[in-house]
Amino acid sequence: MKRRWLLAAAALAVVPASRLAAQSQTSLSVIPMVGYTLPSYKWVEDPVIAFKPGGGIFVGLTAEYSLNKSLSLTGQALRTFGLTQTLEVSGSGLGGVTLESDMTTTQLVGGIVLRPLGRLPSGAPKTLYIEAGAGLNLSTVSEGFTASADSFPSFSASSPFVMGGIGLSFPAGPRFSVQVFGRAQYLLSKYSSDFLDYLNAPPPLTATPLEGKAGLVLQFGLGLRVGR
């Protein structure tokens, strides 16, 4: 009789124990993503010349390592398309001409993901998640500007940034979900490049030295999460 009770108690313990294991088990997920990046500031804003990086479509890949049901570590890389992202240079220092050139942006990011609602019994993440991290923003501008009488060389710029974001995950199966997200990135250093140095070099091409600015970048995207 005692053995029957012991067997029944053991059977009842199997289900909650298996659910707990599913929620606490570490796992690795891969998330291809696509979205739009939008610099919401100007690299340089001066009465003489202004630099305005445009928005662009990006593709990227995120690897997420789940430590438990609520916390994950992430690493990601993304890149815009030069055919969609541009840099505009305009101002009275160019005789009122607006120049435009293709540019691309590459980002390398590391951070954490918090899931305040935890996970489903299957291990799939519940809807809401919050992310935070830091990374490096690398921008490259192609050689040559349209509608330009001068020939400016290609140049690059870089800046570290901190990031915060929020997203929603919609489970489509125990090991697959669709994610939508929005992020804000704040650049930690002012814009600088060999192009800006060139404009400020003696004899100056501008009436006054140009100062770079830091600013905010917004991102919106969609990801396909494979794995728990």
Protein backbone atom coordinates (compact mmCIF):
# COMPACT_ATOMS: atom_id res chain seq x y z
CA MET A 1 0.00 0.00 0.00
CA LYS A 2 2.85 2.37 0.91
CA ARG A 3 4.56 1.58 -2.37
CA ARG A 4 1.45 2.63 -4.32
CA TRP A 5 1.34 5.96 -2.52
CA LEU A 6 5.06 6.50 -3.20
CA LEU A 7 4.58 5.72 -6.90
CA ALA A 8 1.59 8.08 -7.13
CA ALA A 9 3.52 10.90 -5.45
CA ALA A 10 6.46 10.34 -7.78
CA ALA A 11 4.17 10.49 -10.84
CA LEU A 12 2.59 13.74 -9.66
CA ALA A 13 6.03 15.28 -9.18
CA VAL A 14 7.20 14.46 -12.70
CA VAL A 15 4.99 17.06 -14.50
CA PRO A 16 5.91 20.19 -12.45
CA ALA A 17 9.55 19.09 -12.33
CA SER A 18 9.68 18.73 -16.12
CA ARG A 19 8.06 22.16 -16.55
CA LEU A 20 10.60 23.72 -14.21
CA ALA A 21 13.43 22.08 -16.10
CA ALA A 22 12.06 23.36 -19.40
CA GLN A 23 11.98 26.90 -18.05
CA SER A 24 15.38 26.90 -16.36
CA GLN A 25 17.38 25.00 -18.98
CA THR A 26 20.04 27.03 -20.77
CA SER A 27 19.67 27.23 -24.55
CA LEU A 28 20.98 29.02 -27.61
CA SER A 29 18.70 30.78 -30.12
CA VAL A 30 19.50 32.33 -33.48
CA ILE A 31 17.47 35.32 -34.71
CA PRO A 32 17.78 36.60 -38.29
CA MET A 33 16.29 40.10 -38.42
CA VAL A 34 15.44 42.92 -40.80
CA GLY A 35 14.40 46.49 -40.05
CA TYR A 36 14.95 50.20 -40.49
CA THR A 37 17.54 52.39 -38.78
CA LEU A 38 16.89 56.12 -38.43
CA PRO A 39 19.50 58.61 -37.19
CA SER A 40 17.41 61.33 -35.54
CA TYR A 41 20.12 64.00 -35.47
CA LYS A 42 22.80 65.62 -37.65
CA TRP A 43 26.47 64.70 -37.48
CA VAL A 44 27.30 68.37 -38.01
CA GLU A 45 24.82 71.23 -37.72
CA ASP A 46 26.40 74.56 -38.58
CA PRO A 47 25.24 77.72 -40.41
CA VAL A 48 27.90 76.98 -43.04
CA ILE A 49 27.58 73.21 -43.61
CA ALA A 50 25.37 70.44 -42.20
CA PHE A 51 25.88 66.66 -42.40
CA LYS A 52 22.71 64.60 -42.19
CA PRO A 53 22.97 60.78 -42.22
CA GLY A 54 19.82 59.25 -43.63
CA GLY A 55 17.83 56.21 -42.58
CA GLY A 56 18.23 52.83 -44.21
CA ILE A 57 17.14 49.19 -44.29
CA PHE A 58 19.28 46.78 -42.30
CA VAL A 59 19.70 43.03 -42.02
CA GLY A 60 21.37 41.29 -39.12
CA LEU A 61 21.81 38.24 -36.97
CA THR A 62 21.45 37.85 -33.20
CA ALA A 63 22.63 34.97 -31.04
CA GLU A 64 20.81 34.72 -27.69
CA TYR A 65 22.05 32.48 -24.88
CA SER A 66 19.33 31.91 -22.28
CA LEU A 67 20.66 31.58 -18.73
CA ASN A 68 17.23 30.94 -17.20
CA LYS A 69 13.56 31.72 -17.87
CA SER A 70 14.05 35.48 -17.39
CA LEU A 71 17.60 36.41 -18.40
CA SER A 72 19.62 35.98 -21.60
CA LEU A 73 22.92 37.19 -22.99
CA THR A 74 22.96 38.41 -26.60
CA GLY A 75 25.42 39.32 -29.31
CA GLN A 76 24.44 40.73 -32.68
CA ALA A 77 25.76 42.22 -35.90
CA LEU A 78 23.77 44.25 -38.43
CA ARG A 79 24.44 46.20 -41.59
CA THR A 80 22.50 48.64 -43.74
CA PHE A 81 22.37 48.65 -47.53
CA GLY A 82 24.31 51.40 -49.29
CA LEU A 83 21.52 51.72 -51.85
CA THR A 84 19.06 52.71 -49.12
CA GLN A 85 21.13 54.76 -46.67
CA THR A 86 22.61 58.12 -47.71
CA LEU A 87 24.54 61.08 -46.36
CA GLU A 88 23.48 64.62 -47.28
CA VAL A 89 25.90 67.54 -47.07
CA SER A 90 24.32 70.96 -47.50
CA GLY A 91 24.87 74.58 -46.56
CA SER A 92 25.97 78.00 -47.66
CA GLY A 93 29.60 76.90 -47.58
CA LEU A 94 28.90 74.91 -50.73
CA GLY A 95 27.15 77.75 -52.49
CA GLY A 96 23.73 76.44 -51.51
CA VAL A 97 24.33 73.04 -53.17
CA THR A 98 23.12 69.84 -51.51
CA LEU A 99 25.42 66.87 -52.04
CA GLU A 100 24.36 63.25 -51.54
CA SER A 101 26.35 60.03 -51.35
CA ASP A 102 25.64 56.38 -50.52
CA MET A 103 26.65 55.19 -47.07
CA THR A 104 26.47 52.02 -45.02
CA THR A 105 26.39 51.42 -41.28
CA THR A 106 27.67 48.35 -39.49
CA GLN A 107 26.90 47.71 -35.82
CA LEU A 108 28.33 45.21 -33.35
CA VAL A 109 26.29 44.92 -30.15
CA GLY A 110 26.39 42.94 -26.92
CA GLY A 111 23.84 43.00 -24.12
CA ILE A 112 21.17 41.31 -22.04
CA VAL A 113 17.51 40.45 -22.55
CA LEU A 114 15.08 40.50 -19.62
CA ARG A 115 11.79 38.60 -19.83
CA PRO A 116 9.65 39.85 -16.92
CA LEU A 117 6.82 37.44 -17.75
CA GLY A 118 9.09 34.40 -17.96
CA ARG A 119 8.35 31.52 -20.30
CA LEU A 120 5.61 29.08 -21.21
CA PRO A 121 5.74 25.52 -19.78
CA SER A 122 7.20 24.40 -23.12
CA GLY A 123 10.14 26.78 -22.63
CA ALA A 124 9.01 29.23 -25.33
CA PRO A 125 9.37 32.91 -24.26
CA LYS A 126 6.28 34.87 -23.30
CA THR A 127 5.32 38.04 -25.11
CA LEU A 128 7.16 40.99 -23.54
CA TYR A 129 10.92 41.41 -23.38
CA ILE A 130 13.30 44.26 -22.59
CA GLU A 131 16.85 44.60 -23.88
CA ALA A 132 19.85 46.73 -22.95
CA GLY A 133 23.42 46.79 -24.12
CA ALA A 134 26.31 48.62 -25.73
CA GLY A 135 28.10 48.45 -29.03
CA LEU A 136 30.10 50.10 -31.78
CA ASN A 137 28.63 52.05 -34.70
CA LEU A 138 30.76 52.03 -37.90
CA SER A 139 29.69 54.23 -40.82
CA THR A 140 31.27 54.31 -44.27
CA VAL A 141 30.49 56.89 -46.95
CA SER A 142 31.17 55.96 -50.58
CA GLU A 143 33.50 57.93 -52.77
CA GLY A 144 31.95 60.77 -54.76
CA PHE A 145 28.89 62.96 -54.23
CA THR A 146 26.17 63.54 -56.80
CA ALA A 147 25.72 67.13 -58.01
CA SER A 148 29.20 67.96 -56.77
CA ALA A 149 31.84 69.99 -58.60
CA ASP A 150 34.50 68.65 -56.25
CA SER A 151 35.66 65.08 -55.79
CA PHE A 152 35.58 64.11 -52.12
CA PRO A 153 37.17 60.80 -51.12
CA SER A 154 35.35 58.01 -49.32
CA PHE A 155 35.59 58.21 -45.53
CA SER A 156 34.46 56.46 -42.37
CA ALA A 157 33.35 57.35 -38.86
CA SER A 158 32.85 55.35 -35.69
CA SER A 159 31.30 55.79 -32.26
CA PRO A 160 30.48 53.60 -29.25
CA PHE A 161 26.89 53.69 -28.06
CA VAL A 162 24.55 52.47 -25.34
CA MET A 163 21.20 50.95 -26.22
CA GLY A 164 17.81 50.22 -24.73
CA GLY A 165 14.78 48.62 -26.33
CA ILE A 166 11.53 46.76 -25.95
CA GLY A 167 10.01 43.98 -28.00
CA LEU A 168 7.17 41.53 -28.33
CA SER A 169 7.62 37.83 -29.01
CA PHE A 170 4.77 35.83 -30.55
CA PRO A 171 5.30 32.06 -30.15
CA ALA A 172 4.54 30.09 -33.31
CA GLY A 173 5.70 26.80 -31.81
CA PRO A 174 7.80 25.43 -28.92
CA ARG A 175 11.03 26.33 -30.73
CA PHE A 176 9.98 29.17 -33.05
CA SER A 177 8.63 32.69 -32.54
CA VAL A 178 8.22 35.99 -34.38
CA GLN A 179 9.63 39.12 -32.73
CA VAL A 180 8.98 42.81 -33.31
CA PHE A 181 11.15 45.40 -31.58
CA GLY A 182 12.07 49.04 -31.20
CA ARG A 183 15.39 50.38 -29.93
CA ALA A 184 17.04 53.67 -29.06
CA GLN A 185 20.81 54.06 -29.28
CA TYR A 186 22.73 57.02 -27.92
CA LEU A 187 26.18 57.67 -29.41
CA LEU A 188 28.77 58.30 -26.72
CA SER A 189 31.22 60.30 -28.81
CA LYS A 190 30.86 63.25 -31.18
CA TYR A 191 31.06 62.70 -34.90
CA SER A 192 34.59 62.85 -36.33
CA SER A 193 36.16 61.65 -39.58
CA ASP A 194 39.02 62.34 -41.95
CA PHE A 195 36.44 64.17 -44.13
CA LEU A 196 35.67 66.58 -41.29
CA ASP A 197 39.41 67.02 -40.70
CA TYR A 198 39.81 67.75 -44.41
CA LEU A 199 37.15 70.48 -44.34
CA ASN A 200 38.73 72.05 -41.25
CA ALA A 201 42.34 71.81 -42.49
CA PRO A 202 44.22 74.99 -43.49
CA PRO A 203 43.53 76.71 -45.75
CA PRO A 204 39.97 76.21 -44.45
CA LEU A 205 37.25 75.23 -46.87
CA THR A 206 34.68 76.62 -44.44
CA ALA A 207 34.41 80.02 -42.79
CA THR A 208 34.59 78.52 -39.28
CA PRO A 209 35.77 75.15 -37.94
CA LEU A 210 32.98 72.58 -37.96
CA GLU A 211 32.07 70.77 -34.74
CA GLY A 212 30.76 67.22 -34.69
CA LYS A 213 27.77 66.20 -32.55
CA ALA A 214 26.61 63.12 -30.69
CA GLY A 215 23.03 61.99 -31.13
CA LEU A 216 20.26 59.42 -31.02
CA VAL A 217 19.59 56.57 -33.45
CA LEU A 218 16.22 54.76 -33.58
CA GLN A 219 15.67 51.24 -34.92
CA PHE A 220 12.54 49.26 -35.68
CA GLY A 221 12.57 45.67 -36.87
CA LEU A 222 11.28 42.13 -37.17
CA GLY A 223 13.05 38.91 -36.20
CA LEU A 224 12.46 35.18 -36.59
CA ARG A 225 13.57 33.48 -33.41
CA VAL A 226 14.64 29.85 -33.81
CA GLY A 227 15.23 28.02 -30.54
CA ARG A 228 13.90 28.43 -27.02
